[in-house]
Amino acid sequence: MDLQDQLKNLFPDHVPEVGAKSEKKTTLYLQEDPILCKYEKRKGKPITILEGYNGNDNDLRQLAKLLKTKLSAGGSAKEGKIIVQGNFRDKIMEILRAEGFKVKRVGG
């Protein structure tokens, strides 16, 4: 017995709507200046720093979580910056462009 059958047993009077599908949330970020993507080494370890995000702190944390999840890396979001452990500039730039951001590479 699958989930649909169980739901029919629980709610026999319910008639599902035809063509009703859950819509995927699309986000459009309005970013006037590009996000700067830098590479640094701190204590001999490589990190990627993102600066210039115009949104609030909650959105900054969500963006950091998205990047860390897609890259399978650690990091943090604080003081208007996102710090990701490792040298992921190219991958981060691809992800951000796919999300609708303007990105500028800083440094070598």
Protein backbone atom coordinates (compact mmCIF):
# COMPACT_ATOMS: atom_id res chain seq x y z
CA MET A 1 0.00 0.00 0.00
CA ASP A 2 1.60 3.27 -1.10
CA LEU A 3 1.11 6.75 0.29
CA GLN A 4 -1.71 7.67 -2.11
CA ASP A 5 -3.74 4.63 -1.04
CA GLN A 6 -3.20 5.46 2.63
CA LEU A 7 -4.36 9.02 2.06
CA LYS A 8 -7.49 7.78 0.26
CA ASN A 9 -8.27 5.55 3.23
CA LEU A 10 -7.80 8.41 5.69
CA PHE A 11 -9.72 11.02 3.65
CA PRO A 12 -12.31 9.21 1.52
CA ASP A 13 -14.28 12.40 0.69
CA HIS A 14 -11.26 14.33 -0.63
CA VAL A 15 -11.09 14.84 -4.39
CA PRO A 16 -7.60 15.71 -5.62
CA GLU A 17 -7.38 18.64 -8.02
CA VAL A 18 -6.41 17.79 -11.58
CA GLY A 19 -3.17 19.40 -12.72
CA ALA A 20 -2.30 20.72 -9.27
CA LYS A 21 1.40 20.31 -8.76
CA SER A 22 3.68 21.88 -6.23
CA GLU A 23 5.54 24.70 -7.88
CA LYS A 24 9.25 24.99 -7.30
CA LYS A 25 10.18 28.22 -5.62
CA THR A 26 12.09 30.47 -7.97
CA THR A 27 14.13 33.25 -6.51
CA LEU A 28 15.31 36.29 -8.37
CA TYR A 29 18.04 38.19 -6.64
CA LEU A 30 18.28 41.91 -7.34
CA GLN A 31 21.97 42.56 -7.01
CA GLU A 32 23.24 45.84 -8.46
CA ASP A 33 26.93 45.32 -7.78
CA PRO A 34 28.56 41.95 -8.45
CA ILE A 35 29.53 39.64 -5.62
CA LEU A 36 33.32 39.55 -5.28
CA CYS A 37 34.85 36.08 -5.13
CA LYS A 38 38.35 35.98 -3.57
CA TYR A 39 40.84 33.25 -2.75
CA GLU A 40 43.07 33.46 0.31
CA LYS A 41 45.15 31.26 2.55
CA ARG A 42 44.74 31.49 6.29
CA LYS A 43 47.11 29.50 8.47
CA GLY A 44 48.18 27.59 5.34
CA LYS A 45 44.65 26.48 4.48
CA PRO A 46 42.82 27.69 1.33
CA ILE A 47 39.52 29.55 1.71
CA THR A 48 37.14 31.29 -0.68
CA ILE A 49 35.60 34.58 0.44
CA LEU A 50 32.44 36.13 -1.04
CA GLU A 51 31.81 39.83 -0.39
CA GLY A 52 29.31 42.41 -1.59
CA TYR A 53 25.97 40.69 -0.97
CA ASN A 54 23.19 43.31 -0.61
CA GLY A 55 20.55 41.19 1.18
CA ASN A 56 19.82 40.77 4.86
CA ASP A 57 21.66 38.42 7.24
CA ASN A 58 19.04 35.67 7.02
CA ASP A 59 19.30 35.54 3.22
CA LEU A 60 23.10 35.58 3.51
CA ARG A 61 22.97 32.53 5.78
CA GLN A 62 20.63 30.72 3.38
CA LEU A 63 22.95 31.44 0.46
CA ALA A 64 25.93 30.21 2.48
CA LYS A 65 24.03 27.02 3.36
CA LEU A 66 23.19 26.45 -0.32
CA LEU A 67 26.83 26.85 -1.35
CA LYS A 68 28.17 24.67 1.45
CA THR A 69 25.65 21.94 0.65
CA LYS A 70 26.37 21.91 -3.08
CA LEU A 71 30.14 21.97 -2.53
CA SER A 72 30.16 19.57 0.44
CA ALA A 73 32.41 21.97 2.31
CA GLY A 74 32.41 23.82 5.59
CA GLY A 75 32.25 27.53 6.09
CA SER A 76 30.46 30.42 7.73
CA ALA A 77 28.45 33.57 7.02
CA LYS A 78 29.07 36.63 9.14
CA GLU A 79 29.73 40.36 8.85
CA GLY A 80 28.37 40.45 5.31
CA LYS A 81 30.84 37.82 4.07
CA ILE A 82 30.57 34.15 3.20
CA ILE A 83 33.68 32.10 3.89
CA VAL A 84 33.90 28.62 2.34
CA GLN A 85 36.70 26.23 3.23
CA GLY A 86 38.71 25.28 0.14
CA ASN A 87 39.47 26.78 -3.27
CA PHE A 88 36.06 26.61 -4.97
CA ARG A 89 36.03 29.92 -6.88
CA ASP A 90 35.06 28.48 -10.25
CA LYS A 91 32.33 26.21 -8.87
CA ILE A 92 30.93 28.96 -6.64
CA MET A 93 30.80 31.37 -9.56
CA GLU A 94 28.87 28.81 -11.66
CA ILE A 95 26.38 28.16 -8.84
CA LEU A 96 25.82 31.87 -8.18
CA ARG A 97 25.33 32.65 -11.87
CA ALA A 98 22.78 29.83 -12.09
CA GLU A 99 20.95 31.42 -9.11
CA GLY A 100 20.83 34.79 -10.89
CA PHE A 101 23.73 36.67 -9.28
CA LYS A 102 26.40 38.75 -10.96
CA VAL A 103 29.83 37.51 -9.87
CA LYS A 104 33.29 39.00 -10.30
CA ARG A 105 36.51 37.09 -9.75
CA VAL A 106 39.11 38.99 -7.73
CA GLY A 107 42.78 38.05 -7.68
CA GLY A 108 44.81 35.58 -9.77
